[in-house]
């Protein structure tokens, strides 16, 4: 009998697969994440693969450490990082920020010189913090180039409502980031199609109209219950508010 995939391993694989498959983060050649995400293979060494994600892994390590959880791949830790949960609510944000920056700045180059105490006002133990504050792209929004906004919107965890289920895609309504007048906000809902299957196997089992799903790099990777929806909305909104003063400053004065 094949062993069952640990729930934290599968959850991590669901969120990490799309950017990894696109070559944006994580170790090369870890296509096995896709099989884990579909619940098909418990023999994949997910902890070793996860350690190769220089973004997600340090966050989950620090979140686990500060909340007394022994395994950074425990389901509650993985959920806390990607969409937020009760665990993230318990963490002192400044303490988390200091511990995280100490851990990651050693491997960061000059392009990441903003990793200092000036970032603590925006610190939170979630993926939204990584994308919108730690990731350097938010500092390029004022350049007028389209790439920074596209990357930020694709990399953050988006929330979408399913309006139709197709054989290979979901039709959803979702809000996207908009940048104007030195302000980053969520725009009105738009209808679009997103992937949710890999080689015919679904990341989201039995999707139905009315479901709320998390979207990462154009891939519906997780079905969210009401509490998870509220948490994702809360932390997304919190991060946008926290970064607003930095964006509002003249680009020449920004940290």
C-alpha atoms as a PDB file:
ATOM      1  CA  UNK A   1       0.000   0.000   0.000  1.00  0.00           C
ATOM      2  CA  UNK A   2       1.319   3.437  -0.960  1.00  0.00           C
ATOM      3  CA  UNK A   3       1.805   5.762   1.990  1.00  0.00           C
ATOM      4  CA  UNK A   4      -0.378   8.847   2.118  1.00  0.00           C
ATOM      5  CA  UNK A   5       1.205  12.201   1.288  1.00  0.00           C
ATOM      6  CA  UNK A   6       1.518  14.246   4.522  1.00  0.00           C
ATOM      7  CA  UNK A   7      -0.975  17.133   4.304  1.00  0.00           C
ATOM      8  CA  UNK A   8       1.667  19.810   4.909  1.00  0.00           C
ATOM      9  CA  UNK A   9       3.827  18.367   2.134  1.00  0.00           C
ATOM     10  CA  UNK A  10       0.956  18.374  -0.333  1.00  0.00           C
ATOM     11  CA  UNK A  11      -0.092  21.899   0.626  1.00  0.00           C
ATOM     12  CA  UNK A  12       3.455  23.190   0.137  1.00  0.00           C
ATOM     13  CA  UNK A  13       3.683  21.442  -3.237  1.00  0.00           C
ATOM     14  CA  UNK A  14       0.385  22.952  -4.390  1.00  0.00           C
ATOM     15  CA  UNK A  15       1.565  26.505  -3.764  1.00  0.00           C
ATOM     16  CA  UNK A  16       5.208  26.041  -4.765  1.00  0.00           C
ATOM     17  CA  UNK A  17       4.727  24.053  -7.966  1.00  0.00           C
ATOM     18  CA  UNK A  18       3.708  26.796 -10.418  1.00  0.00           C
ATOM     19  CA  UNK A  19       6.618  29.231  -9.853  1.00  0.00           C
ATOM     20  CA  UNK A  20       9.009  26.290  -9.662  1.00  0.00           C
ATOM     21  CA  UNK A  21       7.760  24.863 -12.962  1.00  0.00           C
ATOM     22  CA  UNK A  22       8.251  28.315 -14.519  1.00  0.00           C
ATOM     23  CA  UNK A  23      11.826  28.388 -13.249  1.00  0.00           C
ATOM     24  CA  UNK A  24      11.335  31.335 -10.883  1.00  0.00           C
ATOM     25  CA  UNK A  25      12.186  29.758  -7.551  1.00  0.00           C
ATOM     26  CA  UNK A  26      13.239  26.537  -5.932  1.00  0.00           C
ATOM     27  CA  UNK A  27      15.646  23.862  -7.159  1.00  0.00           C
ATOM     28  CA  UNK A  28      15.776  22.859 -10.798  1.00  0.00           C
ATOM     29  CA  UNK A  29      14.256  19.577 -11.808  1.00  0.00           C
ATOM     30  CA  UNK A  30      11.803  19.247  -8.924  1.00  0.00           C
ATOM     31  CA  UNK A  31       8.866  18.320 -11.162  1.00  0.00           C
ATOM     32  CA  UNK A  32       8.037  15.737  -8.508  1.00  0.00           C
ATOM     33  CA  UNK A  33       6.288  18.575  -6.656  1.00  0.00           C
ATOM     34  CA  UNK A  34       3.488  18.327  -9.182  1.00  0.00           C
ATOM     35  CA  UNK A  35       2.876  14.687  -8.341  1.00  0.00           C
ATOM     36  CA  UNK A  36       2.855  15.469  -4.632  1.00  0.00           C
ATOM     37  CA  UNK A  37       0.457  18.363  -5.211  1.00  0.00           C
ATOM     38  CA  UNK A  38      -1.962  15.943  -6.832  1.00  0.00           C
ATOM     39  CA  UNK A  39      -1.570  13.529  -3.928  1.00  0.00           C
ATOM     40  CA  UNK A  40      -0.068  10.847  -6.131  1.00  0.00           C
ATOM     41  CA  UNK A  41       3.354  10.141  -4.640  1.00  0.00           C
ATOM     42  CA  UNK A  42       4.395   9.936  -0.992  1.00  0.00           C
ATOM     43  CA  UNK A  43       7.950   8.822  -1.799  1.00  0.00           C
ATOM     44  CA  UNK A  44       9.146  12.254  -2.953  1.00  0.00           C
ATOM     45  CA  UNK A  45      11.586  13.903  -0.537  1.00  0.00           C
ATOM     46  CA  UNK A  46       9.596  17.113  -0.073  1.00  0.00           C
ATOM     47  CA  UNK A  47      11.698  18.440   2.860  1.00  0.00           C
ATOM     48  CA  UNK A  48      14.840  18.393   0.727  1.00  0.00           C
ATOM     49  CA  UNK A  49      13.055  20.092  -2.176  1.00  0.00           C
ATOM     50  CA  UNK A  50      11.475  22.673   0.151  1.00  0.00           C
ATOM     51  CA  UNK A  51      14.870  23.639   1.582  1.00  0.00           C
ATOM     52  CA  UNK A  52      15.829  24.697  -1.932  1.00  0.00           C
ATOM     53  CA  UNK A  53      13.215  27.471  -1.906  1.00  0.00           C
ATOM     54  CA  UNK A  54      15.194  30.466  -0.686  1.00  0.00           C
ATOM     55  CA  UNK A  55      11.956  32.435  -0.322  1.00  0.00           C
ATOM     56  CA  UNK A  56       9.373  30.193   1.326  1.00  0.00           C
ATOM     57  CA  UNK A  57      11.638  27.963   3.416  1.00  0.00           C
ATOM     58  CA  UNK A  58      13.187  30.622   5.724  1.00  0.00           C
ATOM     59  CA  UNK A  59       9.737  32.043   6.433  1.00  0.00           C
ATOM     60  CA  UNK A  60       8.373  28.653   7.395  1.00  0.00           C
ATOM     61  CA  UNK A  61      11.434  27.949   9.523  1.00  0.00           C
ATOM     62  CA  UNK A  62      11.076  31.190  11.480  1.00  0.00           C
ATOM     63  CA  UNK A  63       7.294  30.866  11.772  1.00  0.00           C
ATOM     64  CA  UNK A  64       7.664  27.337  13.144  1.00  0.00           C
ATOM     65  CA  UNK A  65      10.407  28.402  15.559  1.00  0.00           C
ATOM     66  CA  UNK A  66       8.470  31.366  16.977  1.00  0.00           C
ATOM     67  CA  UNK A  67       5.287  29.352  17.481  1.00  0.00           C
ATOM     68  CA  UNK A  68       6.877  26.232  18.933  1.00  0.00           C
ATOM     69  CA  UNK A  69       6.114  23.934  16.000  1.00  0.00           C
ATOM     70  CA  UNK A  70       8.877  21.411  15.368  1.00  0.00           C
ATOM     71  CA  UNK A  71       8.308  20.905  11.635  1.00  0.00           C
ATOM     72  CA  UNK A  72       8.438  23.832   9.150  1.00  0.00           C
ATOM     73  CA  UNK A  73       6.356  21.635   6.812  1.00  0.00           C
ATOM     74  CA  UNK A  74       3.572  21.052   9.328  1.00  0.00           C
ATOM     75  CA  UNK A  75       0.270  21.877   7.667  1.00  0.00           C
ATOM     76  CA  UNK A  76      -0.484  24.769  10.020  1.00  0.00           C
ATOM     77  CA  UNK A  77       2.905  26.369   9.307  1.00  0.00           C
ATOM     78  CA  UNK A  78       2.578  25.968   5.538  1.00  0.00           C
ATOM     79  CA  UNK A  79      -0.944  27.389   5.635  1.00  0.00           C
ATOM     80  CA  UNK A  80       0.209  30.233   7.853  1.00  0.00           C
ATOM     81  CA  UNK A  81       2.892  31.293   5.411  1.00  0.00           C
ATOM     82  CA  UNK A  82       0.937  31.078   2.147  1.00  0.00           C
ATOM     83  CA  UNK A  83      -2.472  32.435   3.168  1.00  0.00           C
ATOM     84  CA  UNK A  84      -2.296  33.209   6.896  1.00  0.00           C
ATOM     85  CA  UNK A  85      -4.098  31.537   9.807  1.00  0.00           C
ATOM     86  CA  UNK A  86      -4.307  31.582  13.608  1.00  0.00           C
ATOM     87  CA  UNK A  87      -0.584  30.815  13.794  1.00  0.00           C
ATOM     88  CA  UNK A  88       0.373  33.997  11.980  1.00  0.00           C
ATOM     89  CA  UNK A  89      -1.902  36.024  14.254  1.00  0.00           C
ATOM     90  CA  UNK A  90       0.097  34.872  17.308  1.00  0.00           C
ATOM     91  CA  UNK A  91       3.493  35.971  16.046  1.00  0.00           C
ATOM     92  CA  UNK A  92       5.063  39.275  17.041  1.00  0.00           C
ATOM     93  CA  UNK A  93       5.638  40.841  13.628  1.00  0.00           C
ATOM     94  CA  UNK A  94       8.751  42.814  14.575  1.00  0.00           C
ATOM     95  CA  UNK A  95      10.341  39.756  16.181  1.00  0.00           C
ATOM     96  CA  UNK A  96       9.534  37.739  13.092  1.00  0.00           C
ATOM     97  CA  UNK A  97      10.924  40.422  10.800  1.00  0.00           C
ATOM     98  CA  UNK A  98      14.229  40.672  12.656  1.00  0.00           C
ATOM     99  CA  UNK A  99      14.681  36.896  12.748  1.00  0.00           C
ATOM    100  CA  UNK A 100      13.829  36.556   9.067  1.00  0.00           C
ATOM    101  CA  UNK A 101      16.084  39.386   7.901  1.00  0.00           C
ATOM    102  CA  UNK A 102      18.989  37.999   9.947  1.00  0.00           C
ATOM    103  CA  UNK A 103      18.461  34.665   8.230  1.00  0.00           C
ATOM    104  CA  UNK A 104      18.122  35.801   4.622  1.00  0.00           C
ATOM    105  CA  UNK A 105      20.320  38.868   4.300  1.00  0.00           C
ATOM    106  CA  UNK A 106      23.455  36.730   4.445  1.00  0.00           C
ATOM    107  CA  UNK A 107      22.668  35.377   0.986  1.00  0.00           C
ATOM    108  CA  UNK A 108      21.297  38.646  -0.429  1.00  0.00           C
ATOM    109  CA  UNK A 109      23.354  40.890  -2.675  1.00  0.00           C
ATOM    110  CA  UNK A 110      23.426  44.648  -3.085  1.00  0.00           C
ATOM    111  CA  UNK A 111      20.092  44.537  -4.936  1.00  0.00           C
ATOM    112  CA  UNK A 112      18.524  43.569  -1.588  1.00  0.00           C
ATOM    113  CA  UNK A 113      20.112  46.336   0.494  1.00  0.00           C
ATOM    114  CA  UNK A 114      16.635  47.260   1.758  1.00  0.00           C
ATOM    115  CA  UNK A 115      16.714  44.252   4.109  1.00  0.00           C
ATOM    116  CA  UNK A 116      17.204  46.214   7.309  1.00  0.00           C
ATOM    117  CA  UNK A 117      15.245  47.513  10.300  1.00  0.00           C
ATOM    118  CA  UNK A 118      13.480  50.011   8.050  1.00  0.00           C
ATOM    119  CA  UNK A 119      11.472  47.093   6.697  1.00  0.00           C
ATOM    120  CA  UNK A 120      10.096  46.023  10.083  1.00  0.00           C
ATOM    121  CA  UNK A 121       7.004  48.244   9.772  1.00  0.00           C
ATOM    122  CA  UNK A 122       5.944  46.032   6.857  1.00  0.00           C
ATOM    123  CA  UNK A 123       6.988  42.714   8.387  1.00  0.00           C
ATOM    124  CA  UNK A 124       4.478  39.861   8.611  1.00  0.00           C
ATOM    125  CA  UNK A 125       4.930  36.059   8.624  1.00  0.00           C
ATOM    126  CA  UNK A 126       3.226  35.593   5.251  1.00  0.00           C
ATOM    127  CA  UNK A 127       3.972  35.228   1.561  1.00  0.00           C
ATOM    128  CA  UNK A 128       2.413  38.662   0.991  1.00  0.00           C
ATOM    129  CA  UNK A 129       5.281  40.228   2.948  1.00  0.00           C
ATOM    130  CA  UNK A 130       7.833  38.378   0.849  1.00  0.00           C
ATOM    131  CA  UNK A 131       6.245  39.453  -2.436  1.00  0.00           C
ATOM    132  CA  UNK A 132       5.269  43.026  -1.646  1.00  0.00           C
ATOM    133  CA  UNK A 133       8.086  44.093   0.694  1.00  0.00           C
ATOM    134  CA  UNK A 134      11.082  41.750   0.683  1.00  0.00           C
ATOM    135  CA  UNK A 135      10.974  41.025  -3.042  1.00  0.00           C
ATOM    136  CA  UNK A 136      12.648  43.989  -4.832  1.00  0.00           C
ATOM    137  CA  UNK A 137       9.968  44.418  -7.536  1.00  0.00           C
ATOM    138  CA  UNK A 138       7.806  46.837  -5.524  1.00  0.00           C
ATOM    139  CA  UNK A 139      10.737  49.252  -5.624  1.00  0.00           C
ATOM    140  CA  UNK A 140      10.541  49.303  -9.429  1.00  0.00           C
ATOM    141  CA  UNK A 141       6.862  50.170  -9.761  1.00  0.00           C
ATOM    142  CA  UNK A 142       7.599  53.855 -10.389  1.00  0.00           C
ATOM    143  CA  UNK A 143       9.826  52.974 -13.361  1.00  0.00           C
ATOM    144  CA  UNK A 144       6.795  52.875 -15.649  1.00  0.00           C
ATOM    145  CA  UNK A 145       7.728  49.420 -16.924  1.00  0.00           C
ATOM    146  CA  UNK A 146       4.935  46.796 -16.881  1.00  0.00           C
ATOM    147  CA  UNK A 147       7.055  43.923 -15.522  1.00  0.00           C
ATOM    148  CA  UNK A 148       7.104  44.901 -11.819  1.00  0.00           C
ATOM    149  CA  UNK A 149       3.319  45.008 -11.516  1.00  0.00           C
ATOM    150  CA  UNK A 150       2.905  41.801 -13.506  1.00  0.00           C
ATOM    151  CA  UNK A 151       5.395  39.935 -11.334  1.00  0.00           C
ATOM    152  CA  UNK A 152       3.920  41.216  -8.064  1.00  0.00           C
ATOM    153  CA  UNK A 153       0.380  40.322  -9.102  1.00  0.00           C
ATOM    154  CA  UNK A 154       1.324  36.870 -10.369  1.00  0.00           C
ATOM    155  CA  UNK A 155       3.554  35.991  -7.429  1.00  0.00           C
ATOM    156  CA  UNK A 156       1.181  37.046  -4.653  1.00  0.00           C
ATOM    157  CA  UNK A 157      -1.548  34.588  -3.664  1.00  0.00           C
ATOM    158  CA  UNK A 158      -4.702  35.802  -5.381  1.00  0.00           C
ATOM    159  CA  UNK A 159      -8.278  35.015  -4.407  1.00  0.00           C
ATOM    160  CA  UNK A 160     -10.790  33.968  -7.069  1.00  0.00           C
ATOM    161  CA  UNK A 161     -14.391  32.784  -7.239  1.00  0.00           C
ATOM    162  CA  UNK A 162     -15.206  29.917  -9.617  1.00  0.00           C
ATOM    163  CA  UNK A 163     -17.953  30.786 -12.113  1.00  0.00           C
ATOM    164  CA  UNK A 164     -17.540  27.825 -14.495  1.00  0.00           C
ATOM    165  CA  UNK A 165     -15.675  24.513 -14.596  1.00  0.00           C
ATOM    166  CA  UNK A 166     -14.145  23.445 -17.913  1.00  0.00           C
ATOM    167  CA  UNK A 167     -12.327  20.168 -18.662  1.00  0.00           C
ATOM    168  CA  UNK A 168      -8.865  21.700 -18.317  1.00  0.00           C
ATOM    169  CA  UNK A 169      -9.470  25.161 -16.825  1.00  0.00           C
ATOM    170  CA  UNK A 170     -11.560  27.077 -14.340  1.00  0.00           C
ATOM    171  CA  UNK A 171     -13.357  30.277 -15.268  1.00  0.00           C
ATOM    172  CA  UNK A 172     -13.014  32.597 -12.281  1.00  0.00           C
ATOM    173  CA  UNK A 173     -13.603  36.157 -11.188  1.00  0.00           C
ATOM    174  CA  UNK A 174     -10.664  37.794  -9.437  1.00  0.00           C
ATOM    175  CA  UNK A 175      -9.193  41.163  -8.523  1.00  0.00           C
ATOM    176  CA  UNK A 176      -5.737  42.231  -9.638  1.00  0.00           C
ATOM    177  CA  UNK A 177      -3.178  44.737  -8.438  1.00  0.00           C
ATOM    178  CA  UNK A 178      -3.251  48.206  -9.934  1.00  0.00           C
ATOM    179  CA  UNK A 179      -0.589  50.887  -9.552  1.00  0.00           C
ATOM    180  CA  UNK A 180      -1.296  54.603  -9.965  1.00  0.00           C
ATOM    181  CA  UNK A 181      -0.246  57.814  -8.230  1.00  0.00           C
ATOM    182  CA  UNK A 182       2.334  55.953  -6.104  1.00  0.00           C
ATOM    183  CA  UNK A 183      -0.357  53.662  -4.725  1.00  0.00           C
ATOM    184  CA  UNK A 184      -0.841  49.901  -5.079  1.00  0.00           C
ATOM    185  CA  UNK A 185      -4.433  48.683  -4.762  1.00  0.00           C
ATOM    186  CA  UNK A 186      -6.750  45.865  -5.792  1.00  0.00           C
ATOM    187  CA  UNK A 187      -8.919  46.679  -8.792  1.00  0.00           C
ATOM    188  CA  UNK A 188     -12.414  45.518  -9.695  1.00  0.00           C
ATOM    189  CA  UNK A 189     -13.147  41.859 -10.378  1.00  0.00           C
ATOM    190  CA  UNK A 190     -12.373  40.491 -13.828  1.00  0.00           C
ATOM    191  CA  UNK A 191     -13.344  37.197 -15.433  1.00  0.00           C
ATOM    192  CA  UNK A 192     -10.523  34.953 -16.618  1.00  0.00           C
ATOM    193  CA  UNK A 193      -9.467  31.346 -17.115  1.00  0.00           C
ATOM    194  CA  UNK A 194      -6.863  29.674 -14.905  1.00  0.00           C
ATOM    195  CA  UNK A 195      -5.234  26.261 -14.904  1.00  0.00           C
ATOM    196  CA  UNK A 196      -6.025  23.747 -12.189  1.00  0.00           C
ATOM    197  CA  UNK A 197      -4.800  20.424 -13.592  1.00  0.00           C
ATOM    198  CA  UNK A 198      -1.379  18.926 -14.172  1.00  0.00           C
ATOM    199  CA  UNK A 199      -1.178  16.088 -16.692  1.00  0.00           C
ATOM    200  CA  UNK A 200      -4.891  15.526 -16.184  1.00  0.00           C
ATOM    201  CA  UNK A 201      -4.709  15.335 -12.385  1.00  0.00           C
ATOM    202  CA  UNK A 202      -6.325  18.163 -10.391  1.00  0.00           C
ATOM    203  CA  UNK A 203      -4.696  20.266  -7.704  1.00  0.00           C
ATOM    204  CA  UNK A 204      -8.228  21.198  -6.606  1.00  0.00           C
ATOM    205  CA  UNK A 205     -10.406  18.083  -6.330  1.00  0.00           C
ATOM    206  CA  UNK A 206     -13.950  18.358  -7.672  1.00  0.00           C
ATOM    207  CA  UNK A 207     -14.112  22.136  -8.152  1.00  0.00           C
ATOM    208  CA  UNK A 208     -17.605  23.611  -8.343  1.00  0.00           C
ATOM    209  CA  UNK A 209     -19.194  26.919  -9.198  1.00  0.00           C
ATOM    210  CA  UNK A 210     -19.104  29.124  -6.113  1.00  0.00           C
ATOM    211  CA  UNK A 211     -15.853  27.710  -4.750  1.00  0.00           C
ATOM    212  CA  UNK A 212     -13.189  30.187  -3.639  1.00  0.00           C
ATOM    213  CA  UNK A 213      -9.706  29.258  -4.789  1.00  0.00           C
ATOM    214  CA  UNK A 214      -6.174  30.533  -4.255  1.00  0.00           C
ATOM    215  CA  UNK A 215      -4.356  31.433  -7.475  1.00  0.00           C
ATOM    216  CA  UNK A 216      -0.562  31.473  -7.807  1.00  0.00           C
ATOM    217  CA  UNK A 217       1.085  32.322 -11.132  1.00  0.00           C
ATOM    218  CA  UNK A 218      -2.124  31.661 -13.037  1.00  0.00           C
ATOM    219  CA  UNK A 219      -2.758  28.305 -11.346  1.00  0.00           C
ATOM    220  CA  UNK A 220      -5.683  27.521  -9.038  1.00  0.00           C
ATOM    221  CA  UNK A 221      -3.710  25.649  -6.407  1.00  0.00           C
ATOM    222  CA  UNK A 222      -6.061  25.376  -3.411  1.00  0.00           C
ATOM    223  CA  UNK A 223      -9.729  25.517  -2.415  1.00  0.00           C
ATOM    224  CA  UNK A 224     -10.273  27.878   0.523  1.00  0.00           C
ATOM    225  CA  UNK A 225     -12.916  27.693   3.215  1.00  0.00           C
ATOM    226  CA  UNK A 226     -14.521  30.808   4.682  1.00  0.00           C
ATOM    227  CA  UNK A 227     -11.923  31.247   7.431  1.00  0.00           C
ATOM    228  CA  UNK A 228      -9.067  30.842   4.953  1.00  0.00           C
ATOM    229  CA  UNK A 229     -10.671  33.372   2.599  1.00  0.00           C
ATOM    230  CA  UNK A 230     -10.948  35.894   5.425  1.00  0.00           C
ATOM    231  CA  UNK A 231      -7.339  35.324   6.434  1.00  0.00           C
ATOM    232  CA  UNK A 232      -5.997  35.733   2.902  1.00  0.00           C
ATOM    233  CA  UNK A 233      -8.047  38.889   2.416  1.00  0.00           C
ATOM    234  CA  UNK A 234      -6.918  40.270   5.776  1.00  0.00           C
ATOM    235  CA  UNK A 235      -3.203  39.741   5.218  1.00  0.00           C
ATOM    236  CA  UNK A 236      -3.314  40.979   1.625  1.00  0.00           C
ATOM    237  CA  UNK A 237      -5.075  44.163   2.718  1.00  0.00           C
ATOM    238  CA  UNK A 238      -2.744  44.553   5.712  1.00  0.00           C
ATOM    239  CA  UNK A 239       0.350  44.281   3.531  1.00  0.00           C
ATOM    240  CA  UNK A 240      -0.949  46.808   1.017  1.00  0.00           C
ATOM    241  CA  UNK A 241      -1.622  49.275   3.839  1.00  0.00           C
ATOM    242  CA  UNK A 242       1.758  48.636   5.449  1.00  0.00           C
ATOM    243  CA  UNK A 243       3.676  49.312   2.246  1.00  0.00           C
ATOM    244  CA  UNK A 244       1.635  52.386   1.272  1.00  0.00           C
ATOM    245  CA  UNK A 245       3.813  54.973   3.110  1.00  0.00           C
ATOM    246  CA  UNK A 246       6.938  53.649   1.375  1.00  0.00           C
ATOM    247  CA  UNK A 247       5.345  53.765  -2.063  1.00  0.00           C
ATOM    248  CA  UNK A 248       3.980  57.258  -1.438  1.00  0.00           C
ATOM    249  CA  UNK A 249       7.459  58.685  -0.838  1.00  0.00           C
ATOM    250  CA  UNK A 250       9.442  60.104  -3.714  1.00  0.00           C
ATOM    251  CA  UNK A 251      11.275  57.198  -5.403  1.00  0.00           C
ATOM    252  CA  UNK A 252      14.630  58.873  -4.705  1.00  0.00           C
ATOM    253  CA  UNK A 253      13.902  58.783  -0.962  1.00  0.00           C
ATOM    254  CA  UNK A 254      12.702  55.197  -0.671  1.00  0.00           C
ATOM    255  CA  UNK A 255      14.534  52.582   1.331  1.00  0.00           C
END
